[in-house]
Amino acid sequence: MTTPCTSTPPPAVWRRSTFSDGSGGNCVEIAVLPGVEAVAVRDSKTPDRPHLRFSRQQFAVLITALAGD
């Protein structure tokens, strides 16, 4: 189970979903967190709010489940 992370992540480069149309809709951003072997996910509309942090393995499971494979 993943919980919101309130600590400040290491410097990261956030990438927006390729499905984002730029109209301010429901978009997520992801970032690989250097030095901690984790992936962070945040709401692109509220980037200053806490993000979710997943291990790389947890993130792979999440993406597979969302893709329906």
Protein backbone atom coordinates (compact mmCIF):
# COMPACT_ATOMS: atom_id res chain seq x y z
CA MET A 1 0.00 0.00 0.00
CA THR A 2 1.34 3.42 -0.90
CA THR A 3 0.69 6.51 1.16
CA PRO A 4 1.15 10.19 0.36
CA CYS A 5 4.70 11.36 0.91
CA THR A 6 5.03 14.71 2.66
CA SER A 7 8.83 14.91 2.66
CA THR A 8 10.59 16.98 0.05
CA PRO A 9 11.82 14.69 -2.73
CA PRO A 10 15.33 14.91 -4.10
CA PRO A 11 15.60 17.17 -7.14
CA ALA A 12 13.67 15.50 -9.92
CA VAL A 13 12.57 16.17 -13.46
CA TRP A 14 8.79 15.90 -13.68
CA ARG A 15 7.21 14.67 -16.92
CA ARG A 16 3.57 15.17 -17.85
CA SER A 17 1.45 12.38 -19.26
CA THR A 18 1.46 12.20 -23.06
CA PHE A 19 -2.33 11.92 -22.83
CA SER A 20 -2.52 15.47 -21.46
CA ASP A 21 -4.13 17.89 -23.87
CA GLY A 22 -2.99 21.02 -22.06
CA SER A 23 -6.54 22.16 -21.24
CA GLY A 24 -6.06 21.82 -17.47
CA GLY A 25 -7.94 18.55 -17.19
CA ASN A 26 -7.01 15.47 -15.22
CA CYS A 27 -3.27 15.10 -15.73
CA VAL A 28 -0.55 13.40 -13.78
CA GLU A 29 3.19 13.92 -13.78
CA ILE A 30 5.85 11.39 -12.90
CA ALA A 31 9.47 11.71 -11.88
CA VAL A 32 12.21 9.20 -11.23
CA LEU A 33 13.63 10.15 -7.84
CA PRO A 34 17.41 10.07 -7.99
CA GLY A 35 19.21 8.18 -5.28
CA VAL A 36 16.16 6.42 -3.82
CA GLU A 37 15.15 4.02 -6.62
CA ALA A 38 11.60 5.32 -6.60
CA VAL A 39 9.05 6.93 -8.89
CA ALA A 40 6.88 9.83 -7.74
CA VAL A 41 3.43 10.66 -9.10
CA ARG A 42 1.66 14.00 -8.61
CA ASP A 43 -1.35 15.95 -9.83
CA SER A 44 -0.14 18.42 -12.46
CA LYS A 45 -2.72 20.99 -11.35
CA THR A 46 -1.40 21.06 -7.78
CA PRO A 47 2.34 20.33 -7.98
CA ASP A 48 3.05 21.75 -4.51
CA ARG A 49 0.82 19.22 -2.76
CA PRO A 50 2.19 15.89 -1.52
CA HIS A 51 2.98 13.27 -4.13
CA LEU A 52 2.72 9.50 -4.12
CA ARG A 53 5.99 7.56 -4.05
CA PHE A 54 6.31 4.04 -5.46
CA SER A 55 9.25 1.69 -5.72
CA ARG A 56 10.12 0.96 -9.35
CA GLN A 57 8.57 -2.50 -8.95
CA GLN A 58 5.36 -1.08 -7.46
CA PHE A 59 5.13 1.46 -10.28
CA ALA A 60 5.53 -1.26 -12.90
CA VAL A 61 2.69 -3.24 -11.29
CA LEU A 62 0.52 -0.09 -11.21
CA ILE A 63 1.10 0.69 -14.90
CA THR A 64 0.41 -2.91 -15.89
CA ALA A 65 -2.85 -2.89 -13.91
CA LEU A 66 -3.95 0.43 -15.40
CA ALA A 67 -3.17 -0.76 -18.91
CA GLY A 68 -5.38 -3.80 -18.33
CA ASP A 69 -2.76 -6.29 -19.51
